[in-house]
PDB file of N, CA and C in Angstrom:
ATOM      1  N   MET A   1       0.825  -1.188   0.000  1.00  0.00           N
ATOM      2  CA  MET A   1       0.000   0.000   0.000  1.00  0.00           C
ATOM      3  C   MET A   1       0.872   1.256   0.000  1.00  0.00           C
ATOM      4  N   GLU A   2       0.556   2.174  -0.868  1.00  0.00           N
ATOM      5  CA  GLU A   2       1.311   3.419  -0.995  1.00  0.00           C
ATOM      6  C   GLU A   2       0.922   4.382   0.133  1.00  0.00           C
ATOM      7  N   ILE A   3       1.922   4.912   0.817  1.00  0.00           N
ATOM      8  CA  ILE A   3       1.672   5.861   1.907  1.00  0.00           C
ATOM      9  C   ILE A   3       1.656   7.266   1.331  1.00  0.00           C
ATOM     10  N   ASP A   4       0.633   8.032   1.676  1.00  0.00           N
ATOM     11  CA  ASP A   4       0.513   9.421   1.220  1.00  0.00           C
ATOM     12  C   ASP A   4       1.459  10.279   2.053  1.00  0.00           C
ATOM     13  N   ILE A   5       2.457  10.878   1.404  1.00  0.00           N
ATOM     14  CA  ILE A   5       3.462  11.652   2.129  1.00  0.00           C
ATOM     15  C   ILE A   5       2.856  12.856   2.841  1.00  0.00           C
ATOM     16  N   SER A   6       1.877  13.505   2.224  1.00  0.00           N
ATOM     17  CA  SER A   6       1.244  14.662   2.862  1.00  0.00           C
ATOM     18  C   SER A   6       0.532  14.250   4.150  1.00  0.00           C
ATOM     19  N   LYS A   7      -0.166  13.120   4.097  1.00  0.00           N
ATOM     20  CA  LYS A   7      -0.868  12.617   5.279  1.00  0.00           C
ATOM     21  C   LYS A   7       0.139  12.229   6.363  1.00  0.00           C
ATOM     22  N   ALA A   8       1.222  11.580   5.960  1.00  0.00           N
ATOM     23  CA  ALA A   8       2.259  11.172   6.910  1.00  0.00           C
ATOM     24  C   ALA A   8       2.913  12.393   7.560  1.00  0.00           C
ATOM     25  N   LEU A   9       3.139  13.452   6.767  1.00  0.00           N
ATOM     26  CA  LEU A   9       3.720  14.689   7.314  1.00  0.00           C
ATOM     27  C   LEU A   9       2.796  15.322   8.343  1.00  0.00           C
ATOM     28  N   ARG A  10       1.520  15.439   8.001  1.00  0.00           N
ATOM     29  CA  ARG A  10       0.559  16.039   8.938  1.00  0.00           C
ATOM     30  C   ARG A  10       0.474  15.229  10.227  1.00  0.00           C
ATOM     31  N   SER A  11       0.501  13.908  10.104  1.00  0.00           N
ATOM     32  CA  SER A  11       0.452  13.044  11.277  1.00  0.00           C
ATOM     33  C   SER A  11       1.708  13.226  12.143  1.00  0.00           C
ATOM     34  N   ALA A  12       2.874  13.321  11.504  1.00  0.00           N
ATOM     35  CA  ALA A  12       4.123  13.527  12.245  1.00  0.00           C
ATOM     36  C   ALA A  12       4.105  14.883  12.960  1.00  0.00           C
ATOM     37  N   LEU A  13       3.585  15.900  12.289  1.00  0.00           N
ATOM     38  CA  LEU A  13       3.501  17.229  12.901  1.00  0.00           C
ATOM     39  C   LEU A  13       2.534  17.231  14.087  1.00  0.00           C
ATOM     40  N   ALA A  14       1.444  16.481  13.978  1.00  0.00           N
ATOM     41  CA  ALA A  14       0.418  16.470  15.024  1.00  0.00           C
ATOM     42  C   ALA A  14       0.800  15.589  16.215  1.00  0.00           C
ATOM     43  N   THR A  15       1.461  14.458  15.963  1.00  0.00           N
ATOM     44  CA  THR A  15       1.693  13.493  17.039  1.00  0.00           C
ATOM     45  C   THR A  15       3.166  13.292  17.390  1.00  0.00           C
ATOM     46  N   GLY A  16       4.066  13.791  16.562  1.00  0.00           N
ATOM     47  CA  GLY A  16       5.492  13.583  16.804  1.00  0.00           C
ATOM     48  C   GLY A  16       6.220  14.878  17.085  1.00  0.00           C
ATOM     49  N   LYS A  17       7.503  14.891  16.756  1.00  0.00           N
ATOM     50  CA  LYS A  17       8.340  16.067  16.955  1.00  0.00           C
ATOM     51  C   LYS A  17       9.062  16.357  15.644  1.00  0.00           C
ATOM     52  N   VAL A  18       8.867  17.566  15.101  1.00  0.00           N
ATOM     53  CA  VAL A  18       9.414  17.923  13.802  1.00  0.00           C
ATOM     54  C   VAL A  18      10.058  19.311  13.879  1.00  0.00           C
ATOM     55  N   GLN A  19      11.225  19.458  13.235  1.00  0.00           N
ATOM     56  CA  GLN A  19      11.885  20.760  13.114  1.00  0.00           C
ATOM     57  C   GLN A  19      11.662  21.254  11.694  1.00  0.00           C
ATOM     58  N   LEU A  20      11.138  22.467  11.548  1.00  0.00           N
ATOM     59  CA  LEU A  20      10.886  23.049  10.227  1.00  0.00           C
ATOM     60  C   LEU A  20      11.994  24.033   9.867  1.00  0.00           C
ATOM     61  N   GLY A  21      12.385  24.046   8.593  1.00  0.00           N
ATOM     62  CA  GLY A  21      13.363  25.013   8.107  1.00  0.00           C
ATOM     63  C   GLY A  21      14.724  24.401   7.860  1.00  0.00           C
ATOM     64  N   GLY A  22      15.419  24.952   6.896  1.00  0.00           N
ATOM     65  CA  GLY A  22      16.733  24.431   6.499  1.00  0.00           C
ATOM     66  C   GLY A  22      17.767  24.450   7.605  1.00  0.00           C
ATOM     67  N   ARG A  23      17.909  25.579   8.284  1.00  0.00           N
ATOM     68  CA  ARG A  23      18.929  25.711   9.329  1.00  0.00           C
ATOM     69  C   ARG A  23      18.643  24.759  10.490  1.00  0.00           C
ATOM     70  N   GLN A  24      17.382  24.714  10.924  1.00  0.00           N
ATOM     71  CA  GLN A  24      17.007  23.836  12.031  1.00  0.00           C
ATOM     72  C   GLN A  24      17.181  22.363  11.641  1.00  0.00           C
ATOM     73  N   THR A  25      16.882  22.036  10.384  1.00  0.00           N
ATOM     74  CA  THR A  25      17.046  20.668   9.901  1.00  0.00           C
ATOM     75  C   THR A  25      18.519  20.266   9.936  1.00  0.00           C
ATOM     76  N   CYS A  26      19.384  21.133   9.437  1.00  0.00           N
ATOM     77  CA  CYS A  26      20.832  20.838   9.442  1.00  0.00           C
ATOM     78  C   CYS A  26      21.347  20.676  10.872  1.00  0.00           C
ATOM     79  N   ASP A  27      20.867  21.525  11.797  1.00  0.00           N
ATOM     80  CA  ASP A  27      21.268  21.412  13.204  1.00  0.00           C
ATOM     81  C   ASP A  27      20.824  20.079  13.793  1.00  0.00           C
ATOM     82  N   ALA A  28      19.586  19.656  13.481  1.00  0.00           N
ATOM     83  CA  ALA A  28      19.067  18.385  13.997  1.00  0.00           C
ATOM     84  C   ALA A  28      19.879  17.210  13.456  1.00  0.00           C
ATOM     85  N   VAL A  29      20.295  17.293  12.182  1.00  0.00           N
ATOM     86  CA  VAL A  29      21.113  16.233  11.586  1.00  0.00           C
ATOM     87  C   VAL A  29      22.486  16.186  12.273  1.00  0.00           C
ATOM     88  N   LYS A  30      23.100  17.363  12.447  1.00  0.00           N
ATOM     89  CA  LYS A  30      24.429  17.428  13.086  1.00  0.00           C
ATOM     90  C   LYS A  30      24.398  16.893  14.508  1.00  0.00           C
ATOM     91  N   ASN A  31      23.306  17.174  15.227  1.00  0.00           N
ATOM     92  CA  ASN A  31      23.176  16.739  16.619  1.00  0.00           C
ATOM     93  C   ASN A  31      22.708  15.295  16.748  1.00  0.00           C
ATOM     94  N   GLY A  32      22.467  14.628  15.608  1.00  0.00           N
ATOM     95  CA  GLY A  32      22.057  13.231  15.623  1.00  0.00           C
ATOM     96  C   GLY A  32      20.616  13.015  16.059  1.00  0.00           C
ATOM     97  N   LYS A  33      19.805  14.060  16.012  1.00  0.00           N
ATOM     98  CA  LYS A  33      18.414  13.949  16.469  1.00  0.00           C
ATOM     99  C   LYS A  33      17.444  13.608  15.341  1.00  0.00           C
ATOM    100  N   ALA A  34      17.806  13.887  14.095  1.00  0.00           N
ATOM    101  CA  ALA A  34      16.899  13.658  12.962  1.00  0.00           C
ATOM    102  C   ALA A  34      16.885  12.181  12.580  1.00  0.00           C
ATOM    103  N   GLN A  35      15.677  11.623  12.463  1.00  0.00           N
ATOM    104  CA  GLN A  35      15.535  10.237  12.021  1.00  0.00           C
ATOM    105  C   GLN A  35      15.367  10.163  10.509  1.00  0.00           C
ATOM    106  N   VAL A  36      14.714  11.177   9.953  1.00  0.00           N
ATOM    107  CA  VAL A  36      14.522  11.276   8.511  1.00  0.00           C
ATOM    108  C   VAL A  36      14.347  12.754   8.179  1.00  0.00           C
ATOM    109  N   VAL A  37      14.744  13.133   6.963  1.00  0.00           N
ATOM    110  CA  VAL A  37      14.632  14.518   6.509  1.00  0.00           C
ATOM    111  C   VAL A  37      13.778  14.547   5.243  1.00  0.00           C
ATOM    112  N   VAL A  38      12.912  15.548   5.142  1.00  0.00           N
ATOM    113  CA  VAL A  38      12.105  15.759   3.938  1.00  0.00           C
ATOM    114  C   VAL A  38      12.569  17.071   3.326  1.00  0.00           C
ATOM    115  N   VAL A  39      12.908  17.049   2.030  1.00  0.00           N
ATOM    116  CA  VAL A  39      13.354  18.267   1.342  1.00  0.00           C
ATOM    117  C   VAL A  39      12.448  18.542   0.148  1.00  0.00           C
ATOM    118  N   SER A  40      12.217  19.825  -0.130  1.00  0.00           N
ATOM    119  CA  SER A  40      11.401  20.217  -1.281  1.00  0.00           C
ATOM    120  C   SER A  40      12.233  20.128  -2.552  1.00  0.00           C
ATOM    121  N   SER A  41      11.570  20.197  -3.694  1.00  0.00           N
ATOM    122  CA  SER A  41      12.270  20.096  -4.978  1.00  0.00           C
ATOM    123  C   SER A  41      13.193  21.295  -5.215  1.00  0.00           C
ATOM    124  N   ASN A  42      12.907  22.423  -4.567  1.00  0.00           N
ATOM    125  CA  ASN A  42      13.747  23.611  -4.750  1.00  0.00           C
ATOM    126  C   ASN A  42      14.543  23.941  -3.492  1.00  0.00           C
ATOM    127  N   CYS A  43      14.857  22.915  -2.712  1.00  0.00           N
ATOM    128  CA  CYS A  43      15.658  23.104  -1.498  1.00  0.00           C
ATOM    129  C   CYS A  43      17.042  23.626  -1.889  1.00  0.00           C
ATOM    130  N   PRO A  44      17.544  24.673  -1.209  1.00  0.00           N
ATOM    131  CA  PRO A  44      18.863  25.232  -1.554  1.00  0.00           C
ATOM    132  C   PRO A  44      19.992  24.198  -1.412  1.00  0.00           C
ATOM    133  N   GLU A  45      20.947  24.288  -2.308  1.00  0.00           N
ATOM    134  CA  GLU A  45      22.098  23.369  -2.314  1.00  0.00           C
ATOM    135  C   GLU A  45      22.838  23.398  -0.975  1.00  0.00           C
ATOM    136  N   GLU A  46      22.928  24.564  -0.383  1.00  0.00           N
ATOM    137  CA  GLU A  46      23.608  24.730   0.907  1.00  0.00           C
ATOM    138  C   GLU A  46      22.956  23.850   1.985  1.00  0.00           C
ATOM    139  N   THR A  47      21.638  23.809   1.980  1.00  0.00           N
ATOM    140  CA  THR A  47      20.912  22.971   2.944  1.00  0.00           C
ATOM    141  C   THR A  47      21.140  21.492   2.639  1.00  0.00           C
ATOM    142  N   LEU A  48      21.053  21.120   1.371  1.00  0.00           N
ATOM    143  CA  LEU A  48      21.267  19.716   0.983  1.00  0.00           C
ATOM    144  C   LEU A  48      22.654  19.229   1.383  1.00  0.00           C
ATOM    145  N   ASN A  49      23.657  20.102   1.281  1.00  0.00           N
ATOM    146  CA  ASN A  49      25.022  19.731   1.643  1.00  0.00           C
ATOM    147  C   ASN A  49      25.177  19.481   3.138  1.00  0.00           C
ATOM    148  N   GLY A  50      24.290  20.076   3.939  1.00  0.00           N
ATOM    149  CA  GLY A  50      24.360  19.905   5.389  1.00  0.00           C
ATOM    150  C   GLY A  50      23.644  18.668   5.891  1.00  0.00           C
ATOM    151  N   ILE A  51      23.046  17.916   4.975  1.00  0.00           N
ATOM    152  CA  ILE A  51      22.274  16.732   5.364  1.00  0.00           C
ATOM    153  C   ILE A  51      23.048  15.481   4.968  1.00  0.00           C
ATOM    154  N   LYS A  52      23.696  14.863   5.935  1.00  0.00           N
ATOM    155  CA  LYS A  52      24.491  13.660   5.677  1.00  0.00           C
ATOM    156  C   LYS A  52      24.202  12.626   6.752  1.00  0.00           C
ATOM    157  N   GLY A  53      24.065  11.378   6.362  1.00  0.00           N
ATOM    158  CA  GLY A  53      23.950  10.288   7.319  1.00  0.00           C
ATOM    159  C   GLY A  53      22.541   9.957   7.782  1.00  0.00           C
ATOM    160  N   VAL A  54      21.527  10.598   7.183  1.00  0.00           N
ATOM    161  CA  VAL A  54      20.139  10.252   7.523  1.00  0.00           C
ATOM    162  C   VAL A  54      19.356  10.037   6.236  1.00  0.00           C
ATOM    163  N   PRO A  55      18.298   9.230   6.283  1.00  0.00           N
ATOM    164  CA  PRO A  55      17.462   9.049   5.081  1.00  0.00           C
ATOM    165  C   PRO A  55      16.828  10.376   4.665  1.00  0.00           C
ATOM    166  N   VAL A  56      16.779  10.608   3.360  1.00  0.00           N
ATOM    167  CA  VAL A  56      16.193  11.838   2.823  1.00  0.00           C
ATOM    168  C   VAL A  56      15.014  11.469   1.916  1.00  0.00           C
ATOM    169  N   ILE A  57      13.878  12.107   2.166  1.00  0.00           N
ATOM    170  CA  ILE A  57      12.696  11.946   1.320  1.00  0.00           C
ATOM    171  C   ILE A  57      12.595  13.199   0.469  1.00  0.00           C
ATOM    172  N   LYS A  58      12.597  13.019  -0.843  1.00  0.00           N
ATOM    173  CA  LYS A  58      12.477  14.168  -1.750  1.00  0.00           C
ATOM    174  C   LYS A  58      11.001  14.416  -2.047  1.00  0.00           C
ATOM    175  N   TYR A  59      10.501  15.548  -1.550  1.00  0.00           N
ATOM    176  CA  TYR A  59       9.109  15.927  -1.795  1.00  0.00           C
ATOM    177  C   TYR A  59       9.018  16.470  -3.213  1.00  0.00           C
ATOM    178  N   GLN A  60       8.028  16.032  -3.976  1.00  0.00           N
ATOM    179  CA  GLN A  60       7.938  16.380  -5.397  1.00  0.00           C
ATOM    180  C   GLN A  60       7.626  17.852  -5.650  1.00  0.00           C
ATOM    181  N   GLY A  61       6.990  18.515  -4.701  1.00  0.00           N
ATOM    182  CA  GLY A  61       6.616  19.914  -4.900  1.00  0.00           C
ATOM    183  C   GLY A  61       7.674  20.882  -4.409  1.00  0.00           C
ATOM    184  N   THR A  62       7.382  22.167  -4.598  1.00  0.00           N
ATOM    185  CA  THR A  62       8.282  23.235  -4.141  1.00  0.00           C
ATOM    186  C   THR A  62       8.136  23.428  -2.633  1.00  0.00           C
ATOM    187  N   GLY A  63       8.912  24.365  -2.103  1.00  0.00           N
ATOM    188  CA  GLY A  63       8.826  24.699  -0.687  1.00  0.00           C
ATOM    189  C   GLY A  63       7.440  25.188  -0.296  1.00  0.00           C
ATOM    190  N   VAL A  64       6.801  25.926  -1.193  1.00  0.00           N
ATOM    191  CA  VAL A  64       5.433  26.404  -0.931  1.00  0.00           C
ATOM    192  C   VAL A  64       4.489  25.206  -0.828  1.00  0.00           C
ATOM    193  N   ASP A  65       4.623  24.249  -1.753  1.00  0.00           N
ATOM    194  CA  ASP A  65       3.795  23.040  -1.725  1.00  0.00           C
ATOM    195  C   ASP A  65       4.025  22.238  -0.437  1.00  0.00           C
ATOM    196  N   LEU A  66       5.280  22.150  -0.015  1.00  0.00           N
ATOM    197  CA  LEU A  66       5.604  21.424   1.211  1.00  0.00           C
ATOM    198  C   LEU A  66       5.002  22.134   2.424  1.00  0.00           C
ATOM    199  N   GLY A  67       5.048  23.452   2.418  1.00  0.00           N
ATOM    200  CA  GLY A  67       4.415  24.222   3.487  1.00  0.00           C
ATOM    201  C   GLY A  67       2.921  23.954   3.565  1.00  0.00           C
ATOM    202  N   VAL A  68       2.262  23.937   2.409  1.00  0.00           N
ATOM    203  CA  VAL A  68       0.824  23.655   2.351  1.00  0.00           C
ATOM    204  C   VAL A  68       0.549  22.230   2.845  1.00  0.00           C
ATOM    205  N   ALA A  69       1.377  21.273   2.419  1.00  0.00           N
ATOM    206  CA  ALA A  69       1.203  19.881   2.846  1.00  0.00           C
ATOM    207  C   ALA A  69       1.324  19.743   4.361  1.00  0.00           C
ATOM    208  N   CYS A  70       2.130  20.612   4.973  1.00  0.00           N
ATOM    209  CA  CYS A  70       2.316  20.589   6.425  1.00  0.00           C
ATOM    210  C   CYS A  70       1.281  21.438   7.149  1.00  0.00           C
ATOM    211  N   GLY A  71       0.401  22.100   6.371  1.00  0.00           N
ATOM    212  CA  GLY A  71      -0.612  22.944   6.977  1.00  0.00           C
ATOM    213  C   GLY A  71      -0.062  24.263   7.476  1.00  0.00           C
ATOM    214  N   ARG A  72       1.027  24.718   6.886  1.00  0.00           N
ATOM    215  CA  ARG A  72       1.659  25.975   7.289  1.00  0.00           C
ATOM    216  C   ARG A  72       1.502  27.013   6.182  1.00  0.00           C
ATOM    217  N   PRO A  73       1.332  28.290   6.558  1.00  0.00           N
ATOM    218  CA  PRO A  73       1.133  29.343   5.547  1.00  0.00           C
ATOM    219  C   PRO A  73       2.444  29.931   5.024  1.00  0.00           C
ATOM    220  N   PHE A  74       3.511  29.150   5.005  1.00  0.00           N
ATOM    221  CA  PHE A  74       4.794  29.636   4.519  1.00  0.00           C
ATOM    222  C   PHE A  74       5.559  28.512   3.831  1.00  0.00           C
ATOM    223  N   SER A  75       6.587  28.900   3.107  1.00  0.00           N
ATOM    224  CA  SER A  75       7.416  27.946   2.374  1.00  0.00           C
ATOM    225  C   SER A  75       8.329  27.179   3.335  1.00  0.00           C
ATOM    226  N   ILE A  76       8.485  25.877   3.097  1.00  0.00           N
ATOM    227  CA  ILE A  76       9.385  25.040   3.896  1.00  0.00           C
ATOM    228  C   ILE A  76      10.327  24.323   2.933  1.00  0.00           C
ATOM    229  N   ALA A  77      11.612  24.651   2.991  1.00  0.00           N
ATOM    230  CA  ALA A  77      12.597  24.014   2.117  1.00  0.00           C
ATOM    231  C   ALA A  77      12.952  22.618   2.611  1.00  0.00           C
ATOM    232  N   ALA A  78      13.018  22.464   3.948  1.00  0.00           N
ATOM    233  CA  ALA A  78      13.395  21.178   4.531  1.00  0.00           C
ATOM    234  C   ALA A  78      12.799  21.055   5.929  1.00  0.00           C
ATOM    235  N   LEU A  79      12.607  19.817   6.340  1.00  0.00           N
ATOM    236  CA  LEU A  79      12.172  19.564   7.709  1.00  0.00           C
ATOM    237  C   LEU A  79      12.789  18.269   8.184  1.00  0.00           C
ATOM    238  N   ALA A  80      13.024  18.200   9.492  1.00  0.00           N
ATOM    239  CA  ALA A  80      13.602  17.007  10.103  1.00  0.00           C
ATOM    240  C   ALA A  80      12.584  16.390  11.045  1.00  0.00           C
ATOM    241  N   VAL A  81      12.379  15.086  10.911  1.00  0.00           N
ATOM    242  CA  VAL A  81      11.489  14.370  11.819  1.00  0.00           C
ATOM    243  C   VAL A  81      12.355  13.830  12.958  1.00  0.00           C
ATOM    244  N   LEU A  82      12.142  14.361  14.155  1.00  0.00           N
ATOM    245  CA  LEU A  82      12.895  13.921  15.329  1.00  0.00           C
ATOM    246  C   LEU A  82      12.213  12.710  15.969  1.00  0.00           C
ATOM    247  N   GLU A  83      10.883  12.772  16.049  1.00  0.00           N
ATOM    248  CA  GLU A  83      10.077  11.659  16.543  1.00  0.00           C
ATOM    249  C   GLU A  83       8.860  11.541  15.628  1.00  0.00           C
ATOM    250  N   PRO A  84       8.612  10.366  15.043  1.00  0.00           N
ATOM    251  CA  PRO A  84       7.531  10.229  14.070  1.00  0.00           C
ATOM    252  C   PRO A  84       6.130  10.236  14.670  1.00  0.00           C
ATOM    253  N   GLY A  85       6.011  10.025  15.982  1.00  0.00           N
ATOM    254  CA  GLY A  85       4.683   9.950  16.577  1.00  0.00           C
ATOM    255  C   GLY A  85       3.926   8.772  15.992  1.00  0.00           C
ATOM    256  N   GLU A  86       2.683   8.991  15.599  1.00  0.00           N
ATOM    257  CA  GLU A  86       1.860   7.923  15.048  1.00  0.00           C
ATOM    258  C   GLU A  86       1.948   7.832  13.525  1.00  0.00           C
ATOM    259  N   SER A  87       2.787   8.649  12.910  1.00  0.00           N
ATOM    260  CA  SER A  87       2.884   8.648  11.450  1.00  0.00           C
ATOM    261  C   SER A  87       3.741   7.485  10.959  1.00  0.00           C
ATOM    262  N   GLU A  88       3.611   7.204   9.677  1.00  0.00           N
ATOM    263  CA  GLU A  88       4.415   6.146   9.049  1.00  0.00           C
ATOM    264  C   GLU A  88       5.511   6.755   8.183  1.00  0.00           C
ATOM    265  N   ILE A  89       5.936   7.966   8.504  1.00  0.00           N
ATOM    266  CA  ILE A  89       6.897   8.697   7.669  1.00  0.00           C
ATOM    267  C   ILE A  89       8.249   7.990   7.594  1.00  0.00           C
ATOM    268  N   LEU A  90       8.654   7.297   8.635  1.00  0.00           N
ATOM    269  CA  LEU A  90       9.964   6.628   8.618  1.00  0.00           C
ATOM    270  C   LEU A  90      10.033   5.546   7.555  1.00  0.00           C
ATOM    271  N   SER A  91       8.905   4.905   7.268  1.00  0.00           N
ATOM    272  CA  SER A  91       8.902   3.855   6.244  1.00  0.00           C
ATOM    273  C   SER A  91       9.100   4.425   4.843  1.00  0.00           C
ATOM    274  N   LEU A  92       8.816   5.720   4.661  1.00  0.00           N
ATOM    275  CA  LEU A  92       9.025   6.365   3.348  1.00  0.00           C
ATOM    276  C   LEU A  92      10.504   6.620   3.089  1.00  0.00           C
ATOM    277  N   GLY A  93      11.281   6.803   4.150  1.00  0.00           N
ATOM    278  CA  GLY A  93      12.705   7.110   3.999  1.00  0.00           C
ATOM    279  C   GLY A  93      13.589   5.891   3.934  1.00  0.00           C
ATOM    280  N   ALA A  94      12.989   4.725   4.038  1.00  0.00           N
ATOM    281  CA  ALA A  94      13.790   3.479   4.053  1.00  0.00           C
ATOM    282  C   ALA A  94      14.414   3.189   2.702  1.00  0.00           C
TER     283      ALA A  94
END
């Protein structure tokens, strides 16, 4: 069964722990707290270079689309899932 990434993101935001934004995502990766990272199709190269050693899910839409998928009124280039909560987002990054 195909997992809907938008639904999984909303579930992770509601029941888990998520860091939004490129800088916060890179910090979470460096500190070893990120379990999986989601990046938009137009994520800056600088942010992508800071993400090493964790599974990365490439979101098909832009940062604006990712923001909408997360229920936020702003663009999100990257986000780090620290705790998935009840979502199945970790299975997407496998």
